[in-house]
Amino acid sequence: MIVEKGSEIVNILKSVSFEQEPFFSPLNDGLKTIEGRSASSKYRRMELGNLILINKSVVFEVKGVQRYPTLSDMLEAEPGESSARG
Protein backbone atom coordinates (compact mmCIF):
# COMPACT_ATOMS: atom_id res chain seq x y z
CA MET A 1 0.00 0.00 0.00
CA ILE A 2 2.85 2.42 0.78
CA VAL A 3 4.39 1.97 -2.67
CA GLU A 4 1.05 2.53 -4.38
CA LYS A 5 -0.24 5.42 -2.28
CA GLY A 6 2.85 6.78 -0.52
CA SER A 7 2.57 10.34 -1.83
CA GLU A 8 -1.10 10.42 -0.84
CA ILE A 9 -0.12 9.46 2.71
CA VAL A 10 2.55 12.18 2.82
CA ASN A 11 -0.01 14.77 1.71
CA ILE A 12 -2.42 13.58 4.39
CA LEU A 13 0.31 13.86 7.04
CA LYS A 14 0.96 17.47 6.08
CA SER A 15 -2.71 18.41 6.43
CA VAL A 16 -3.47 16.82 9.81
CA SER A 17 -3.06 19.19 12.74
CA PHE A 18 -5.38 18.02 15.53
CA GLU A 19 -6.05 15.13 17.89
CA GLN A 20 -9.30 13.21 17.65
CA GLU A 21 -9.76 11.57 21.02
CA PRO A 22 -11.98 10.12 22.34
CA PHE A 23 -12.95 9.02 18.82
CA PHE A 24 -9.56 7.59 17.82
CA SER A 25 -9.29 4.66 20.25
CA PRO A 26 -12.55 2.92 19.24
CA LEU A 27 -11.56 3.23 15.56
CA ASN A 28 -8.05 1.94 16.23
CA ASP A 29 -9.41 -0.97 18.28
CA GLY A 30 -11.90 -1.93 15.54
CA LEU A 31 -14.90 -1.22 17.78
CA LYS A 32 -16.08 1.73 15.68
CA THR A 33 -16.21 0.83 11.99
CA ILE A 34 -18.23 3.78 10.70
CA GLU A 35 -16.86 7.31 10.78
CA GLY A 36 -19.20 10.23 10.21
CA ARG A 37 -18.24 13.68 8.95
CA SER A 38 -20.24 16.76 8.07
CA ALA A 39 -20.43 17.31 4.33
CA SER A 40 -17.84 20.09 4.05
CA SER A 41 -16.23 20.45 0.63
CA LYS A 42 -13.22 18.46 1.87
CA TYR A 43 -15.34 15.45 2.82
CA ARG A 44 -17.73 15.61 -0.13
CA ARG A 45 -14.78 14.56 -2.31
CA MET A 46 -14.25 11.36 -0.33
CA GLU A 47 -14.43 8.23 -2.47
CA LEU A 48 -14.11 4.48 -2.16
CA GLY A 49 -10.44 3.54 -1.78
CA ASN A 50 -9.29 6.89 -0.33
CA LEU A 51 -6.91 6.70 2.60
CA ILE A 52 -7.64 8.48 5.86
CA LEU A 53 -4.90 9.17 8.38
CA ILE A 54 -6.05 9.58 11.96
CA ASN A 55 -3.85 11.02 14.72
CA LYS A 56 -0.84 10.79 12.39
CA SER A 57 -0.57 7.11 13.32
CA VAL A 58 -3.20 4.88 11.69
CA VAL A 59 -4.26 4.78 8.06
CA PHE A 60 -7.72 3.54 7.17
CA GLU A 61 -9.00 2.80 3.67
CA VAL A 62 -12.49 4.01 2.78
CA LYS A 63 -14.56 0.88 2.13
CA GLY A 64 -17.79 2.71 1.36
CA VAL A 65 -19.33 6.16 1.27
CA GLN A 66 -22.91 6.76 2.32
CA ARG A 67 -24.32 10.25 2.51
CA TYR A 68 -27.18 11.21 4.83
CA PRO A 69 -29.12 14.50 5.04
CA THR A 70 -28.48 14.77 8.79
CA LEU A 71 -26.44 13.18 11.58
CA SER A 72 -29.69 11.90 13.07
CA ASP A 73 -30.49 10.10 9.81
CA MET A 74 -27.05 8.44 9.84
CA LEU A 75 -27.36 7.31 13.45
CA GLU A 76 -30.82 5.92 12.74
CA ALA A 77 -29.68 4.01 9.64
CA GLU A 78 -26.35 2.60 10.85
CA PRO A 79 -25.80 -0.08 13.50
CA GLY A 80 -25.39 1.45 16.97
CA GLU A 81 -21.99 0.19 18.08
CA SER A 82 -20.24 0.57 14.73
CA SER A 83 -21.11 4.25 14.47
CA ALA A 84 -21.18 5.15 18.17
CA ARG A 85 -19.35 8.26 19.22
CA GLY A 86 -16.23 7.73 21.37
PDB file of N, CA and C in Angstrom:
ATOM      1  N   MET A   1       0.826  -1.180   0.000  1.00  0.00           N
ATOM      2  CA  MET A   1       0.000   0.000   0.000  1.00  0.00           C
ATOM      3  C   MET A   1       0.878   1.254   0.000  1.00  0.00           C
ATOM      4  N   ILE A   2       1.984   1.246   0.722  1.00  0.00           N
ATOM      5  CA  ILE A   2       2.855   2.421   0.781  1.00  0.00           C
ATOM      6  C   ILE A   2       3.420   2.742  -0.592  1.00  0.00           C
ATOM      7  N   VAL A   3       3.841   1.730  -1.329  1.00  0.00           N
ATOM      8  CA  VAL A   3       4.391   1.970  -2.666  1.00  0.00           C
ATOM      9  C   VAL A   3       3.338   2.583  -3.572  1.00  0.00           C
ATOM     10  N   GLU A   4       2.120   2.056  -3.509  1.00  0.00           N
ATOM     11  CA  GLU A   4       1.049   2.534  -4.382  1.00  0.00           C
ATOM     12  C   GLU A   4       0.524   3.912  -3.992  1.00  0.00           C
ATOM     13  N   LYS A   5       0.438   4.195  -2.724  1.00  0.00           N
ATOM     14  CA  LYS A   5      -0.236   5.416  -2.279  1.00  0.00           C
ATOM     15  C   LYS A   5       0.629   6.254  -1.345  1.00  0.00           C
ATOM     16  N   GLY A   6       1.938   6.080  -1.415  1.00  0.00           N
ATOM     17  CA  GLY A   6       2.855   6.782  -0.516  1.00  0.00           C
ATOM     18  C   GLY A   6       2.722   8.287  -0.557  1.00  0.00           C
ATOM     19  N   SER A   7       2.662   8.879  -1.750  1.00  0.00           N
ATOM     20  CA  SER A   7       2.568  10.342  -1.827  1.00  0.00           C
ATOM     21  C   SER A   7       1.239  10.836  -1.264  1.00  0.00           C
ATOM     22  N   GLU A   8       0.195  10.040  -1.416  1.00  0.00           N
ATOM     23  CA  GLU A   8      -1.102  10.418  -0.845  1.00  0.00           C
ATOM     24  C   GLU A   8      -1.004  10.461   0.683  1.00  0.00           C
ATOM     25  N   ILE A   9      -0.294   9.491   1.259  1.00  0.00           N
ATOM     26  CA  ILE A   9      -0.119   9.456   2.710  1.00  0.00           C
ATOM     27  C   ILE A   9       0.685  10.661   3.183  1.00  0.00           C
ATOM     28  N   VAL A  10       1.745  11.014   2.464  1.00  0.00           N
ATOM     29  CA  VAL A  10       2.553  12.182   2.824  1.00  0.00           C
ATOM     30  C   VAL A  10       1.696  13.439   2.801  1.00  0.00           C
ATOM     31  N   ASN A  11       0.866  13.597   1.786  1.00  0.00           N
ATOM     32  CA  ASN A  11      -0.015  14.766   1.707  1.00  0.00           C
ATOM     33  C   ASN A  11      -1.002  14.804   2.869  1.00  0.00           C
ATOM     34  N   ILE A  12      -1.507  13.651   3.252  1.00  0.00           N
ATOM     35  CA  ILE A  12      -2.419  13.582   4.389  1.00  0.00           C
ATOM     36  C   ILE A  12      -1.687  14.008   5.662  1.00  0.00           C
ATOM     37  N   LEU A  13      -0.474  13.509   5.860  1.00  0.00           N
ATOM     38  CA  LEU A  13       0.313  13.862   7.044  1.00  0.00           C
ATOM     39  C   LEU A  13       0.488  15.363   7.175  1.00  0.00           C
ATOM     40  N   LYS A  14       0.736  16.026   6.062  1.00  0.00           N
ATOM     41  CA  LYS A  14       0.962  17.468   6.076  1.00  0.00           C
ATOM     42  C   LYS A  14      -0.296  18.240   6.462  1.00  0.00           C
ATOM     43  N   SER A  15      -1.467  17.671   6.197  1.00  0.00           N
ATOM     44  CA  SER A  15      -2.706  18.414   6.429  1.00  0.00           C
ATOM     45  C   SER A  15      -3.344  18.153   7.788  1.00  0.00           C
ATOM     46  N   VAL A  16      -2.868  17.158   8.527  1.00  0.00           N
ATOM     47  CA  VAL A  16      -3.469  16.817   9.814  1.00  0.00           C
ATOM     48  C   VAL A  16      -2.819  17.642  10.913  1.00  0.00           C
ATOM     49  N   SER A  17      -3.629  18.340  11.700  1.00  0.00           N
ATOM     50  CA  SER A  17      -3.058  19.185  12.745  1.00  0.00           C
ATOM     51  C   SER A  17      -3.857  19.138  14.049  1.00  0.00           C
ATOM     52  N   PHE A  18      -4.600  18.064  14.292  1.00  0.00           N
ATOM     53  CA  PHE A  18      -5.378  18.016  15.525  1.00  0.00           C
ATOM     54  C   PHE A  18      -5.554  16.574  15.987  1.00  0.00           C
ATOM     55  N   GLU A  19      -5.787  16.434  17.284  1.00  0.00           N
ATOM     56  CA  GLU A  19      -6.051  15.129  17.885  1.00  0.00           C
ATOM     57  C   GLU A  19      -7.541  14.829  17.789  1.00  0.00           C
ATOM     58  N   GLN A  20      -7.890  13.561  17.784  1.00  0.00           N
ATOM     59  CA  GLN A  20      -9.297  13.208  17.647  1.00  0.00           C
ATOM     60  C   GLN A  20      -9.767  12.250  18.737  1.00  0.00           C
ATOM     61  N   GLU A  21      -9.230  12.365  19.921  1.00  0.00           N
ATOM     62  CA  GLU A  21      -9.757  11.573  21.024  1.00  0.00           C
ATOM     63  C   GLU A  21     -11.015  12.263  21.542  1.00  0.00           C
ATOM     64  N   PRO A  22     -11.975  11.541  22.024  1.00  0.00           N
ATOM     65  CA  PRO A  22     -11.985  10.118  22.337  1.00  0.00           C
ATOM     66  C   PRO A  22     -12.430   9.237  21.180  1.00  0.00           C
ATOM     67  N   PHE A  23     -12.446   9.774  19.973  1.00  0.00           N
ATOM     68  CA  PHE A  23     -12.955   9.018  18.824  1.00  0.00           C
ATOM     69  C   PHE A  23     -11.916   8.094  18.213  1.00  0.00           C
ATOM     70  N   PHE A  24     -10.625   8.368  18.441  1.00  0.00           N
ATOM     71  CA  PHE A  24      -9.564   7.589  17.816  1.00  0.00           C
ATOM     72  C   PHE A  24      -9.492   6.161  18.350  1.00  0.00           C
ATOM     73  N   SER A  25      -9.488   5.994  19.654  1.00  0.00           N
ATOM     74  CA  SER A  25      -9.288   4.665  20.245  1.00  0.00           C
ATOM     75  C   SER A  25     -10.301   3.628  19.769  1.00  0.00           C
ATOM     76  N   PRO A  26     -11.606   3.927  19.748  1.00  0.00           N
ATOM     77  CA  PRO A  26     -12.547   2.918  19.245  1.00  0.00           C
ATOM     78  C   PRO A  26     -12.307   2.559  17.771  1.00  0.00           C
ATOM     79  N   LEU A  27     -11.893   3.528  16.954  1.00  0.00           N
ATOM     80  CA  LEU A  27     -11.556   3.225  15.556  1.00  0.00           C
ATOM     81  C   LEU A  27     -10.334   2.323  15.497  1.00  0.00           C
ATOM     82  N   ASN A  28      -9.296   2.699  16.228  1.00  0.00           N
ATOM     83  CA  ASN A  28      -8.048   1.944  16.228  1.00  0.00           C
ATOM     84  C   ASN A  28      -8.256   0.520  16.728  1.00  0.00           C
ATOM     85  N   ASP A  29      -9.143   0.345  17.703  1.00  0.00           N
ATOM     86  CA  ASP A  29      -9.410  -0.974  18.275  1.00  0.00           C
ATOM     87  C   ASP A  29     -10.407  -1.795  17.462  1.00  0.00           C
ATOM     88  N   GLY A  30     -10.947  -1.216  16.385  1.00  0.00           N
ATOM     89  CA  GLY A  30     -11.895  -1.931  15.541  1.00  0.00           C
ATOM     90  C   GLY A  30     -13.307  -1.972  16.099  1.00  0.00           C
ATOM     91  N   LEU A  31     -13.565  -1.235  17.176  1.00  0.00           N
ATOM     92  CA  LEU A  31     -14.900  -1.216  17.778  1.00  0.00           C
ATOM     93  C   LEU A  31     -15.845  -0.289  17.030  1.00  0.00           C
ATOM     94  N   LYS A  32     -15.290   0.758  16.456  1.00  0.00           N
ATOM     95  CA  LYS A  32     -16.080   1.729  15.681  1.00  0.00           C
ATOM     96  C   LYS A  32     -15.661   1.583  14.222  1.00  0.00           C
ATOM     97  N   THR A  33     -16.557   1.106  13.390  1.00  0.00           N
ATOM     98  CA  THR A  33     -16.213   0.828  11.988  1.00  0.00           C
ATOM     99  C   THR A  33     -16.818   1.831  11.021  1.00  0.00           C
ATOM    100  N   ILE A  34     -17.616   2.752  11.536  1.00  0.00           N
ATOM    101  CA  ILE A  34     -18.233   3.779  10.701  1.00  0.00           C
ATOM    102  C   ILE A  34     -17.819   5.135  11.246  1.00  0.00           C
ATOM    103  N   GLU A  35     -17.260   5.962  10.386  1.00  0.00           N
ATOM    104  CA  GLU A  35     -16.860   7.311  10.780  1.00  0.00           C
ATOM    105  C   GLU A  35     -17.748   8.304  10.062  1.00  0.00           C
ATOM    106  N   GLY A  36     -18.315   9.233  10.796  1.00  0.00           N
ATOM    107  CA  GLY A  36     -19.198  10.233  10.206  1.00  0.00           C
ATOM    108  C   GLY A  36     -18.544  11.596  10.175  1.00  0.00           C
ATOM    109  N   ARG A  37     -18.755  12.321   9.100  1.00  0.00           N
ATOM    110  CA  ARG A  37     -18.236  13.684   8.949  1.00  0.00           C
ATOM    111  C   ARG A  37     -19.310  14.559   8.340  1.00  0.00           C
ATOM    112  N   SER A  38     -19.310  15.833   8.722  1.00  0.00           N
ATOM    113  CA  SER A  38     -20.237  16.760   8.067  1.00  0.00           C
ATOM    114  C   SER A  38     -19.786  16.942   6.625  1.00  0.00           C
ATOM    115  N   ALA A  39     -20.705  17.289   5.780  1.00  0.00           N
ATOM    116  CA  ALA A  39     -20.426  17.312   4.333  1.00  0.00           C
ATOM    117  C   ALA A  39     -19.755  18.611   3.894  1.00  0.00           C
ATOM    118  N   SER A  40     -18.621  18.941   4.515  1.00  0.00           N
ATOM    119  CA  SER A  40     -17.844  20.093   4.046  1.00  0.00           C
ATOM    120  C   SER A  40     -17.253  19.740   2.685  1.00  0.00           C
ATOM    121  N   SER A  41     -16.763  20.720   1.979  1.00  0.00           N
ATOM    122  CA  SER A  41     -16.230  20.451   0.635  1.00  0.00           C
ATOM    123  C   SER A  41     -15.115  19.421   0.679  1.00  0.00           C
ATOM    124  N   LYS A  42     -14.312  19.427   1.734  1.00  0.00           N
ATOM    125  CA  LYS A  42     -13.221  18.460   1.873  1.00  0.00           C
ATOM    126  C   LYS A  42     -13.752  17.026   1.917  1.00  0.00           C
ATOM    127  N   TYR A  43     -14.820  16.802   2.665  1.00  0.00           N
ATOM    128  CA  TYR A  43     -15.339  15.448   2.822  1.00  0.00           C
ATOM    129  C   TYR A  43     -16.289  15.039   1.704  1.00  0.00           C
ATOM    130  N   ARG A  44     -16.873  15.973   1.005  1.00  0.00           N
ATOM    131  CA  ARG A  44     -17.735  15.611  -0.132  1.00  0.00           C
ATOM    132  C   ARG A  44     -16.931  14.956  -1.251  1.00  0.00           C
ATOM    133  N   ARG A  45     -15.632  15.167  -1.277  1.00  0.00           N
ATOM    134  CA  ARG A  45     -14.781  14.558  -2.312  1.00  0.00           C
ATOM    135  C   ARG A  45     -14.347  13.141  -1.956  1.00  0.00           C
ATOM    136  N   MET A  46     -14.681  12.676  -0.776  1.00  0.00           N
ATOM    137  CA  MET A  46     -14.252  11.363  -0.329  1.00  0.00           C
ATOM    138  C   MET A  46     -14.857  10.275  -1.214  1.00  0.00           C
ATOM    139  N   GLU A  47     -14.005   9.310  -1.586  1.00  0.00           N
ATOM    140  CA  GLU A  47     -14.433   8.227  -2.471  1.00  0.00           C
ATOM    141  C   GLU A  47     -13.936   6.889  -1.949  1.00  0.00           C
ATOM    142  N   LEU A  48     -14.536   5.838  -2.451  1.00  0.00           N
ATOM    143  CA  LEU A  48     -14.110   4.482  -2.161  1.00  0.00           C
ATOM    144  C   LEU A  48     -12.624   4.346  -2.470  1.00  0.00           C
ATOM    145  N   GLY A  49     -11.864   3.758  -1.568  1.00  0.00           N
ATOM    146  CA  GLY A  49     -10.437   3.541  -1.783  1.00  0.00           C
ATOM    147  C   GLY A  49      -9.537   4.648  -1.272  1.00  0.00           C
ATOM    148  N   ASN A  50     -10.106   5.814  -0.916  1.00  0.00           N
ATOM    149  CA  ASN A  50      -9.290   6.889  -0.335  1.00  0.00           C
ATOM    150  C   ASN A  50      -8.674   6.409   0.969  1.00  0.00           C
ATOM    151  N   LEU A  51      -7.552   7.000   1.328  1.00  0.00           N
ATOM    152  CA  LEU A  51      -6.912   6.704   2.600  1.00  0.00           C
ATOM    153  C   LEU A  51      -7.176   7.851   3.563  1.00  0.00           C
ATOM    154  N   ILE A  52      -7.413   7.494   4.817  1.00  0.00           N
ATOM    155  CA  ILE A  52      -7.643   8.482   5.863  1.00  0.00           C
ATOM    156  C   ILE A  52      -6.609   8.235   6.947  1.00  0.00           C
ATOM    157  N   LEU A  53      -5.874   9.263   7.309  1.00  0.00           N
ATOM    158  CA  LEU A  53      -4.896   9.172   8.381  1.00  0.00           C
ATOM    159  C   LEU A  53      -5.491   9.812   9.623  1.00  0.00           C
ATOM    160  N   ILE A  54      -5.484   9.061  10.721  1.00  0.00           N
ATOM    161  CA  ILE A  54      -6.049   9.578  11.961  1.00  0.00           C
ATOM    162  C   ILE A  54      -4.956   9.622  13.021  1.00  0.00           C
ATOM    163  N   ASN A  55      -4.846  10.785  13.672  1.00  0.00           N
ATOM    164  CA  ASN A  55      -3.846  11.019  14.722  1.00  0.00           C
ATOM    165  C   ASN A  55      -2.416  10.779  14.248  1.00  0.00           C
ATOM    166  N   LYS A  56      -2.168  10.962  12.982  1.00  0.00           N
ATOM    167  CA  LYS A  56      -0.837  10.790  12.393  1.00  0.00           C
ATOM    168  C   LYS A  56      -0.238   9.423  12.720  1.00  0.00           C
ATOM    169  N   SER A  57      -1.107   8.412  12.928  1.00  0.00           N
ATOM    170  CA  SER A  57      -0.570   7.115  13.322  1.00  0.00           C
ATOM    171  C   SER A  57      -1.245   5.911  12.683  1.00  0.00           C
ATOM    172  N   VAL A  58      -2.488   6.023  12.272  1.00  0.00           N
ATOM    173  CA  VAL A  58      -3.198   4.883  11.695  1.00  0.00           C
ATOM    174  C   VAL A  58      -3.858   5.315  10.393  1.00  0.00           C
ATOM    175  N   VAL A  59      -3.652   4.497   9.357  1.00  0.00           N
ATOM    176  CA  VAL A  59      -4.255   4.781   8.056  1.00  0.00           C
ATOM    177  C   VAL A  59      -5.405   3.805   7.834  1.00  0.00           C
ATOM    178  N   PHE A  60      -6.555   4.351   7.495  1.00  0.00           N
ATOM    179  CA  PHE A  60      -7.724   3.540   7.166  1.00  0.00           C
ATOM    180  C   PHE A  60      -8.055   3.741   5.698  1.00  0.00           C
ATOM    181  N   GLU A  61      -8.542   2.683   5.054  1.00  0.00           N
ATOM    182  CA  GLU A  61      -9.000   2.796   3.674  1.00  0.00           C
ATOM    183  C   GLU A  61     -10.517   2.912   3.676  1.00  0.00           C
ATOM    184  N   VAL A  62     -11.042   3.829   2.888  1.00  0.00           N
ATOM    185  CA  VAL A  62     -12.487   4.011   2.781  1.00  0.00           C
ATOM    186  C   VAL A  62     -13.064   2.804   2.040  1.00  0.00           C
ATOM    187  N   LYS A  63     -13.942   2.077   2.705  1.00  0.00           N
ATOM    188  CA  LYS A  63     -14.564   0.882   2.126  1.00  0.00           C
ATOM    189  C   LYS A  63     -15.944   1.167   1.563  1.00  0.00           C
ATOM    190  N   GLY A  64     -16.482   2.325   1.871  1.00  0.00           N
ATOM    191  CA  GLY A  64     -17.788   2.712   1.361  1.00  0.00           C
ATOM    192  C   GLY A  64     -18.082   4.146   1.751  1.00  0.00           C
ATOM    193  N   VAL A  65     -18.915   4.789   0.976  1.00  0.00           N
ATOM    194  CA  VAL A  65     -19.327   6.161   1.272  1.00  0.00           C
ATOM    195  C   VAL A  65     -20.844   6.213   1.190  1.00  0.00           C
ATOM    196  N   GLN A  66     -21.457   6.607   2.272  1.00  0.00           N
ATOM    197  CA  GLN A  66     -22.908   6.756   2.324  1.00  0.00           C
ATOM    198  C   GLN A  66     -23.195   8.161   2.823  1.00  0.00           C
ATOM    199  N   ARG A  67     -24.006   8.880   2.114  1.00  0.00           N
ATOM    200  CA  ARG A  67     -24.322  10.254   2.514  1.00  0.00           C
ATOM    201  C   ARG A  67     -25.743  10.321   3.065  1.00  0.00           C
ATOM    202  N   TYR A  68     -25.892  11.043   4.171  1.00  0.00           N
ATOM    203  CA  TYR A  68     -27.183  11.212   4.830  1.00  0.00           C
ATOM    204  C   TYR A  68     -27.482  12.700   4.953  1.00  0.00           C
ATOM    205  N   PRO A  69     -28.752  13.080   4.911  1.00  0.00           N
ATOM    206  CA  PRO A  69     -29.116  14.500   5.037  1.00  0.00           C
ATOM    207  C   PRO A  69     -28.719  15.096   6.392  1.00  0.00           C
ATOM    208  N   THR A  70     -28.802  14.279   7.457  1.00  0.00           N
ATOM    209  CA  THR A  70     -28.481  14.774   8.794  1.00  0.00           C
ATOM    210  C   THR A  70     -27.744  13.703   9.590  1.00  0.00           C
ATOM    211  N   LEU A  71     -27.089  14.121  10.676  1.00  0.00           N
ATOM    212  CA  LEU A  71     -26.438  13.179  11.576  1.00  0.00           C
ATOM    213  C   LEU A  71     -27.467  12.227  12.179  1.00  0.00           C
ATOM    214  N   SER A  72     -28.620  12.742  12.517  1.00  0.00           N
ATOM    215  CA  SER A  72     -29.687  11.897  13.072  1.00  0.00           C
ATOM    216  C   SER A  72     -30.079  10.788  12.101  1.00  0.00           C
ATOM    217  N   ASP A  73     -30.159  11.115  10.816  1.00  0.00           N
ATOM    218  CA  ASP A  73     -30.487  10.104   9.806  1.00  0.00           C
ATOM    219  C   ASP A  73     -29.410   9.023   9.757  1.00  0.00           C
ATOM    220  N   MET A  74     -28.136   9.421   9.853  1.00  0.00           N
ATOM    221  CA  MET A  74     -27.053   8.443   9.836  1.00  0.00           C
ATOM    222  C   MET A  74     -27.133   7.530  11.056  1.00  0.00           C
ATOM    223  N   LEU A  75     -27.309   8.112  12.235  1.00  0.00           N
ATOM    224  CA  LEU A  75     -27.360   7.308  13.451  1.00  0.00           C
ATOM    225  C   LEU A  75     -28.560   6.372  13.461  1.00  0.00           C
ATOM    226  N   GLU A  76     -29.640   6.773  12.832  1.00  0.00           N
ATOM    227  CA  GLU A  76     -30.825   5.921  12.735  1.00  0.00           C
ATOM    228  C   GLU A  76     -30.590   4.759  11.766  1.00  0.00           C
ATOM    229  N   ALA A  77     -29.862   5.005  10.688  1.00  0.00           N
ATOM    230  CA  ALA A  77     -29.680   4.005   9.636  1.00  0.00           C
ATOM    231  C   ALA A  77     -28.547   3.019   9.910  1.00  0.00           C
ATOM    232  N   GLU A  78     -27.532   3.437  10.648  1.00  0.00           N
ATOM    233  CA  GLU A  78     -26.350   2.598  10.855  1.00  0.00           C
ATOM    234  C   GLU A  78     -26.425   1.873  12.191  1.00  0.00           C
ATOM    235  N   PRO A  79     -25.804   0.682  12.252  1.00  0.00           N
ATOM    236  CA  PRO A  79     -25.802  -0.084  13.502  1.00  0.00           C
ATOM    237  C   PRO A  79     -25.190   0.728  14.645  1.00  0.00           C
ATOM    238  N   GLY A  80     -25.794   0.646  15.821  1.00  0.00           N
ATOM    239  CA  GLY A  80     -25.390   1.448  16.969  1.00  0.00           C
ATOM    240  C   GLY A  80     -23.924   1.418  17.338  1.00  0.00           C
ATOM    241  N   GLU A  81     -23.362   0.262  17.601  1.00  0.00           N
ATOM    242  CA  GLU A  81     -21.986   0.185  18.078  1.00  0.00           C
ATOM    243  C   GLU A  81     -20.970   0.596  17.026  1.00  0.00           C
ATOM    244  N   SER A  82     -21.231   0.281  15.769  1.00  0.00           N
ATOM    245  CA  SER A  82     -20.242   0.570  14.730  1.00  0.00           C
ATOM    246  C   SER A  82     -20.124   2.053  14.430  1.00  0.00           C
ATOM    247  N   SER A  83     -21.159   2.819  14.746  1.00  0.00           N
ATOM    248  CA  SER A  83     -21.107   4.250  14.470  1.00  0.00           C
ATOM    249  C   SER A  83     -21.125   5.090  15.742  1.00  0.00           C
ATOM    250  N   ALA A  84     -21.080   4.433  16.898  1.00  0.00           N
ATOM    251  CA  ALA A  84     -21.179   5.147  18.174  1.00  0.00           C
ATOM    252  C   ALA A  84     -20.048   6.145  18.349  1.00  0.00           C
ATOM    253  N   ARG A  85     -20.376   7.249  18.945  1.00  0.00           N
ATOM    254  CA  ARG A  85     -19.354   8.262  19.222  1.00  0.00           C
ATOM    255  C   ARG A  85     -18.541   7.801  20.423  1.00  0.00           C
ATOM    256  N   GLY A  86     -17.205   7.985  20.320  1.00  0.00           N
ATOM    257  CA  GLY A  86     -16.226   7.727  21.375  1.00  0.00           C
ATOM    258  C   GLY A  86     -16.649   7.001  22.578  1.00  0.00           C
TER     259      GLY A  86
END
